[in-house]
Amino acid sequence: MDLPSYLADILRELTGRSGSVSNANDLLMDSEKGLRNHNCLEELVRFEWASTRTSESIKNLIGKVKPGIREYELAVNFKSDGLPYSCHPMISSGAKAKLGLSSPSSNKVVLGDPFTSAFGVWGALTCRAGMIAKGPKDLPSKTAAFYERYWKAYFHTVKTWYENVGIGISAGLIVKKVDQARDKRIFNFAVNTGHTLHLDEWVNSPFKPESKIKLHSGMALQMDIIPVSNGEFVCSNMEDGIILADFPLREEWSAKFPESWGRIMSRREFMRAKIGIKLKEEVLPLSNIPAYYAPYLLRQDFVAVTNEF
């Protein structure tokens, strides 16, 4: 049961010995058949707009990161434009980043710190994490050597996820391919390698080993690969959302919401031409910083790209 026991007990009393009380959450939340994972166009367009707010907020925040600035000062870049939050805003630097999903504090950013940030509103969440440095020389030599391997290995798994996700693909196959791409000597996965997205940040996840669930049109998904270091304490993360849309849905989107569609097409081209990630035609990126990842946060022009150009 996903509700307090005292409520279930009352229902059992009301139905008596001849009745039954069962959990029907799957009607709404099941990854394959749940109503909240089969979204109409109007819902998806709202998710796209929400993602422009979260991604612009994180983009602006990352551009303001510098040694000496407080987490509170960075938090002013979180702007939802009135959209309700789906989770509390998150900023952490230094040892505090070990706590994971923690709120901003008066903690000052220090050169060489690990740093994490995330912002979520109804329909979208964007996250970026990295090291407070301009390059390896700003880190202790042992940490620098490990981090170079770490962020490159992480980016490779993210690329693998993006290039394999698509309509009709089993979630278990995505998990298998991403796990094969992971350098197991360097990091583990913190949680599922992706999940479904709606008004809440995490509805359910089909991404489990051996999952037979087929991804379908109308799904909103979060690329949510969170690496946990097997060595030095370092941080990397680059979460964004996508939509899976078949041809009729794409045609309707482009006709009814051309501005939204134009943003999506620009993102797809950015990922292909600038980052080197080739998406299936049904994969629609929602973020204004799609697959953009600067591992050294004090140098935003040093960006992870594939070696396939």
Protein backbone atom coordinates (compact mmCIF):
# COMPACT_ATOMS: atom_id res chain seq x y z
CA MET A 1 0.00 0.00 0.00
CA ASP A 2 1.16 3.53 -0.80
CA LEU A 3 -1.01 5.25 1.77
CA PRO A 4 -0.93 5.34 5.58
CA SER A 5 -2.05 2.14 7.26
CA TYR A 6 -4.79 3.85 9.25
CA LEU A 7 -6.53 4.86 6.01
CA ALA A 8 -6.27 1.37 4.56
CA ASP A 9 -7.57 -0.06 7.84
CA ILE A 10 -10.64 2.22 7.68
CA LEU A 11 -11.32 1.07 4.12
CA ARG A 12 -11.01 -2.55 5.21
CA GLU A 13 -13.52 -1.94 8.01
CA LEU A 14 -15.96 -0.32 5.59
CA THR A 15 -15.74 -3.13 3.04
CA GLY A 16 -16.05 -5.84 5.71
CA ARG A 17 -14.95 -9.45 5.48
CA SER A 18 -16.60 -9.97 2.11
CA GLY A 19 -14.82 -7.03 0.47
CA SER A 20 -11.23 -6.32 -0.48
CA VAL A 21 -8.93 -3.31 -0.54
CA SER A 22 -6.21 -3.30 -3.16
CA ASN A 23 -3.59 -0.85 -4.45
CA ALA A 24 -4.64 0.63 -7.81
CA ASN A 25 -1.74 3.07 -8.23
CA ASP A 26 -0.67 1.20 -11.35
CA LEU A 27 -3.68 2.70 -13.16
CA LEU A 28 -1.86 6.03 -13.03
CA MET A 29 1.83 5.28 -12.39
CA ASP A 30 2.70 1.99 -14.09
CA SER A 31 5.61 2.68 -16.47
CA GLU A 32 4.00 0.80 -19.35
CA LYS A 33 0.23 1.30 -18.98
CA GLY A 34 -0.18 4.03 -16.36
CA LEU A 35 -2.22 7.02 -17.51
CA ARG A 36 0.39 9.50 -16.26
CA ASN A 37 2.97 7.96 -18.58
CA HIS A 38 0.77 8.39 -21.68
CA ASN A 39 0.78 12.15 -22.15
CA CYS A 40 -1.24 14.19 -24.63
CA LEU A 41 0.35 16.92 -26.72
CA GLU A 42 -0.83 19.76 -24.48
CA GLU A 43 0.80 18.13 -21.45
CA LEU A 44 4.05 17.59 -23.32
CA VAL A 45 4.19 21.18 -24.52
CA ARG A 46 3.81 22.34 -20.93
CA PHE A 47 6.69 20.07 -19.94
CA GLU A 48 8.80 21.61 -22.70
CA TRP A 49 8.06 25.11 -21.43
CA ALA A 50 8.82 24.05 -17.85
CA SER A 51 12.18 22.70 -18.97
CA THR A 52 13.10 26.04 -20.53
CA ARG A 53 12.75 27.55 -17.05
CA THR A 54 14.79 24.90 -15.20
CA SER A 55 17.53 24.74 -17.85
CA GLU A 56 17.85 28.52 -18.17
CA SER A 57 18.08 28.73 -14.38
CA ILE A 58 20.87 26.17 -14.19
CA LYS A 59 22.67 27.74 -17.17
CA ASN A 60 22.60 31.14 -15.49
CA LEU A 61 23.67 29.68 -12.14
CA ILE A 62 26.65 27.82 -13.59
CA GLY A 63 27.75 30.99 -15.36
CA LYS A 64 27.91 32.78 -11.99
CA VAL A 65 29.89 30.14 -10.07
CA LYS A 66 33.19 31.44 -8.72
CA PRO A 67 35.33 30.96 -5.61
CA GLY A 68 34.02 32.93 -2.64
CA ILE A 69 30.38 33.10 -3.73
CA ARG A 70 27.82 31.66 -1.30
CA GLU A 71 25.32 28.99 -2.26
CA TYR A 72 22.53 31.40 -1.25
CA GLU A 73 23.84 33.95 -3.74
CA LEU A 74 23.78 31.38 -6.53
CA ALA A 75 20.23 30.34 -5.64
CA VAL A 76 18.83 33.67 -6.86
CA ASN A 77 19.30 32.27 -10.38
CA PHE A 78 16.52 29.74 -9.78
CA LYS A 79 13.53 31.31 -11.52
CA SER A 80 10.36 29.32 -12.13
CA ASP A 81 8.27 32.25 -13.45
CA GLY A 82 5.47 31.08 -11.19
CA LEU A 83 5.57 27.37 -11.99
CA PRO A 84 5.29 25.27 -8.80
CA TYR A 85 8.40 23.41 -7.63
CA SER A 86 8.51 19.64 -8.01
CA CYS A 87 11.31 19.40 -5.42
CA HIS A 88 13.34 21.76 -3.27
CA PRO A 89 16.12 23.73 -5.05
CA MET A 90 19.51 22.07 -4.58
CA ILE A 91 23.02 23.57 -4.39
CA SER A 92 25.97 21.98 -2.60
CA SER A 93 29.70 22.57 -2.63
CA GLY A 94 32.69 21.09 -0.85
CA ALA A 95 32.13 18.43 1.80
CA LYS A 96 28.44 19.37 1.87
CA ALA A 97 28.10 17.84 -1.61
CA LYS A 98 28.57 14.42 -0.02
CA LEU A 99 25.13 14.84 1.53
CA GLY A 100 23.53 14.64 -1.90
CA LEU A 101 20.18 16.38 -2.32
CA SER A 102 20.70 19.30 0.05
CA SER A 103 19.34 22.84 -0.10
CA PRO A 104 21.46 25.98 -0.59
CA SER A 105 23.28 27.30 2.47
CA SER A 106 25.66 30.11 3.43
CA ASN A 107 28.53 27.79 2.48
CA LYS A 108 31.15 29.55 0.32
CA VAL A 109 32.41 27.97 -2.90
CA VAL A 110 36.13 27.14 -2.76
CA LEU A 111 38.56 26.43 -5.61
CA GLY A 112 38.88 22.67 -6.02
CA ASP A 113 35.45 21.93 -4.54
CA PRO A 114 33.03 19.40 -5.96
CA PHE A 115 29.77 21.19 -6.78
CA THR A 116 26.19 20.10 -7.50
CA SER A 117 23.05 21.99 -8.51
CA ALA A 118 19.50 21.00 -9.49
CA PHE A 119 16.22 22.80 -10.07
CA GLY A 120 12.84 21.21 -10.67
CA VAL A 121 9.34 22.55 -11.39
CA TRP A 122 6.17 20.73 -12.43
CA GLY A 123 7.14 18.91 -15.62
CA ALA A 124 10.92 19.36 -15.65
CA LEU A 125 14.19 19.10 -13.76
CA THR A 126 17.70 20.14 -14.79
CA CYS A 127 20.89 19.22 -12.93
CA ARG A 128 24.57 19.98 -13.44
CA ALA A 129 27.52 19.02 -11.26
CA GLY A 130 31.27 19.23 -11.63
CA MET A 131 34.42 20.59 -10.05
CA ILE A 132 35.20 24.21 -9.15
CA ALA A 133 38.26 24.54 -11.36
CA LYS A 134 39.46 25.81 -14.72
CA GLY A 135 41.24 22.53 -15.37
CA PRO A 136 43.25 19.70 -13.80
CA LYS A 137 45.92 22.12 -12.52
CA ASP A 138 43.40 23.56 -10.01
CA LEU A 139 42.97 20.15 -8.36
CA PRO A 140 45.34 18.00 -6.27
CA SER A 141 47.34 15.77 -8.64
CA LYS A 142 45.71 12.51 -7.53
CA THR A 143 42.22 14.00 -7.74
CA ALA A 144 42.97 15.58 -11.12
CA ALA A 145 44.15 12.31 -12.64
CA PHE A 146 41.09 10.46 -11.37
CA TYR A 147 38.61 13.18 -12.37
CA GLU A 148 39.84 13.24 -15.96
CA ARG A 149 38.97 9.54 -16.26
CA TYR A 150 35.76 9.99 -14.26
CA TRP A 151 34.03 12.74 -16.23
CA LYS A 152 35.01 11.23 -19.59
CA ALA A 153 33.67 7.82 -18.56
CA TYR A 154 30.48 9.42 -17.27
CA PHE A 155 29.92 11.38 -20.48
CA HIS A 156 30.36 8.18 -22.49
CA THR A 157 27.52 6.51 -20.56
CA VAL A 158 25.28 9.55 -21.09
CA LYS A 159 25.99 9.48 -24.83
CA THR A 160 25.11 5.78 -24.88
CA TRP A 161 21.76 6.45 -23.18
CA TYR A 162 20.79 9.25 -25.55
CA GLU A 163 21.74 7.36 -28.70
CA ASN A 164 19.91 4.16 -27.77
CA VAL A 165 16.67 5.44 -26.26
CA GLY A 166 13.68 5.32 -28.60
CA ILE A 167 10.14 4.10 -29.25
CA GLY A 168 9.78 0.33 -29.10
CA ILE A 169 13.14 -0.16 -27.37
CA SER A 170 12.99 -2.20 -24.17
CA ALA A 171 14.08 -0.32 -21.07
CA GLY A 172 16.13 -3.35 -20.05
CA LEU A 173 18.19 -3.08 -23.24
CA ILE A 174 18.99 0.57 -22.44
CA VAL A 175 20.11 -0.44 -18.96
CA LYS A 176 22.31 -3.20 -20.41
CA LYS A 177 23.96 -0.94 -22.98
CA VAL A 178 24.57 1.85 -20.47
CA ASP A 179 26.03 -0.60 -17.95
CA GLN A 180 28.32 -2.02 -20.64
CA ALA A 181 29.47 1.52 -21.43
CA ARG A 182 30.21 2.28 -17.76
CA ASP A 183 33.80 1.95 -16.56
CA LYS A 184 33.09 -0.16 -13.47
CA ARG A 185 36.49 0.65 -11.99
CA ILE A 186 35.58 4.31 -11.77
CA PHE A 187 31.93 4.71 -10.77
CA ASN A 188 28.66 3.03 -9.89
CA PHE A 189 25.10 4.14 -10.60
CA ALA A 190 23.36 5.84 -7.68
CA VAL A 191 19.80 5.04 -8.85
CA ASN A 192 17.96 3.82 -11.96
CA THR A 193 19.49 5.04 -15.23
CA GLY A 194 16.47 7.19 -16.05
CA HIS A 195 12.81 7.47 -15.09
CA THR A 196 9.46 8.81 -16.22
CA LEU A 197 8.64 12.44 -15.65
CA HIS A 198 5.40 14.34 -15.02
CA LEU A 199 4.31 17.05 -12.59
CA ASP A 200 6.38 15.26 -9.98
CA GLU A 201 10.07 14.83 -10.68
CA TRP A 202 9.95 11.01 -10.63
CA VAL A 203 6.77 9.06 -11.42
CA ASN A 204 8.20 5.57 -11.96
CA SER A 205 11.11 3.93 -13.73
CA PRO A 206 11.07 1.27 -16.42
CA PHE A 207 14.89 1.30 -16.43
CA LYS A 208 15.68 -1.85 -14.50
CA PRO A 209 17.89 -4.81 -15.44
CA GLU A 210 16.05 -7.32 -17.66
CA SER A 211 13.02 -4.99 -17.93
CA LYS A 212 10.79 -6.00 -20.87
CA ILE A 213 8.87 -2.71 -20.85
CA LYS A 214 8.91 -1.08 -24.28
CA LEU A 215 9.29 2.68 -24.42
CA HIS A 216 6.35 4.33 -26.16
CA SER A 217 5.28 7.57 -27.82
CA GLY A 218 4.02 10.18 -25.37
CA MET A 219 6.53 9.24 -22.68
CA ALA A 220 8.36 12.01 -20.83
CA LEU A 221 11.72 10.67 -19.62
CA GLN A 222 14.57 11.99 -17.52
CA MET A 223 18.16 11.15 -18.41
CA ASP A 224 19.06 10.54 -14.79
CA ILE A 225 22.43 8.77 -14.73
CA ILE A 226 23.98 9.78 -11.39
CA PRO A 227 27.55 8.49 -10.99
CA VAL A 228 29.00 7.59 -7.59
CA SER A 229 32.79 7.63 -7.47
CA ASN A 230 34.76 4.48 -6.66
CA GLY A 231 37.81 6.60 -5.87
CA GLU A 232 38.40 10.26 -5.13
CA PHE A 233 35.45 12.38 -3.97
CA VAL A 234 34.43 14.16 -7.18
CA CYS A 235 31.11 15.10 -8.78
CA SER A 236 29.65 14.91 -12.28
CA ASN A 237 26.03 15.12 -13.42
CA MET A 238 24.06 16.44 -16.40
CA GLU A 239 20.37 15.56 -16.04
CA ASP A 240 17.79 16.73 -18.58
CA GLY A 241 14.41 15.59 -19.90
CA ILE A 242 13.28 14.25 -23.28
CA ILE A 243 10.00 13.31 -24.97
CA LEU A 244 9.42 10.28 -27.19
CA ALA A 245 7.06 11.24 -30.02
CA ASP A 246 5.99 9.19 -33.06
CA PHE A 247 5.48 10.78 -36.47
CA PRO A 248 1.80 11.82 -36.00
CA LEU A 249 2.61 13.42 -32.64
CA ARG A 250 5.59 15.27 -34.11
CA GLU A 251 3.48 16.51 -37.02
CA GLU A 252 0.78 17.78 -34.66
CA TRP A 253 3.36 19.44 -32.39
CA SER A 254 5.02 21.31 -35.23
CA ALA A 255 1.66 22.50 -36.60
CA LYS A 256 0.02 23.59 -33.34
CA PHE A 257 3.00 24.85 -31.34
CA PRO A 258 5.63 26.07 -33.84
CA GLU A 259 7.68 28.09 -31.33
CA SER A 260 8.03 25.13 -29.00
CA TRP A 261 8.82 22.88 -31.98
CA GLY A 262 11.46 25.30 -33.20
CA ARG A 263 13.25 25.15 -29.85
CA ILE A 264 13.22 21.37 -29.95
CA MET A 265 14.67 21.24 -33.45
CA SER A 266 17.42 23.67 -32.46
CA ARG A 267 18.31 21.46 -29.50
CA ARG A 268 18.49 18.34 -31.66
CA GLU A 269 20.81 20.12 -34.07
CA PHE A 270 22.97 21.41 -31.22
CA MET A 271 23.37 17.90 -29.84
CA ARG A 272 24.30 16.56 -33.29
CA ALA A 273 26.51 19.35 -34.61
CA LYS A 274 28.14 20.66 -31.42
CA ILE A 275 28.19 17.70 -29.02
CA GLY A 276 28.25 14.81 -31.50
CA ILE A 277 25.28 12.89 -30.09
CA LYS A 278 23.01 11.37 -32.75
CA LEU A 279 19.40 11.05 -31.58
CA LYS A 280 16.69 8.88 -33.08
CA GLU A 281 14.12 11.02 -34.89
CA GLU A 282 11.50 10.41 -32.20
CA VAL A 283 13.69 11.78 -29.37
CA LEU A 284 12.82 15.39 -28.53
CA PRO A 285 15.16 17.15 -26.06
CA LEU A 286 13.50 19.55 -23.62
CA SER A 287 16.46 21.39 -22.12
CA ASN A 288 17.96 24.64 -23.42
CA ILE A 289 21.38 23.18 -22.52
CA PRO A 290 20.85 19.72 -24.10
CA ALA A 291 23.74 17.38 -23.27
CA TYR A 292 25.91 20.45 -22.61
CA TYR A 293 28.44 19.56 -19.95
CA ALA A 294 31.43 21.57 -18.75
CA PRO A 295 33.25 19.31 -16.24
CA TYR A 296 35.41 22.22 -14.99
CA LEU A 297 32.84 24.77 -13.90
CA LEU A 298 35.13 27.80 -14.07
CA ARG A 299 35.64 27.23 -17.79
CA GLN A 300 32.33 27.02 -19.60
CA ASP A 301 33.97 26.88 -23.04
CA PHE A 302 35.63 23.56 -22.22
CA VAL A 303 32.77 21.19 -23.06
CA ALA A 304 32.46 17.41 -23.27
CA VAL A 305 31.96 16.20 -26.86
CA THR A 306 32.21 12.84 -28.60
CA ASN A 307 35.29 11.74 -30.55
CA GLU A 308 33.20 11.05 -33.65
CA PHE A 309 33.44 14.42 -35.39
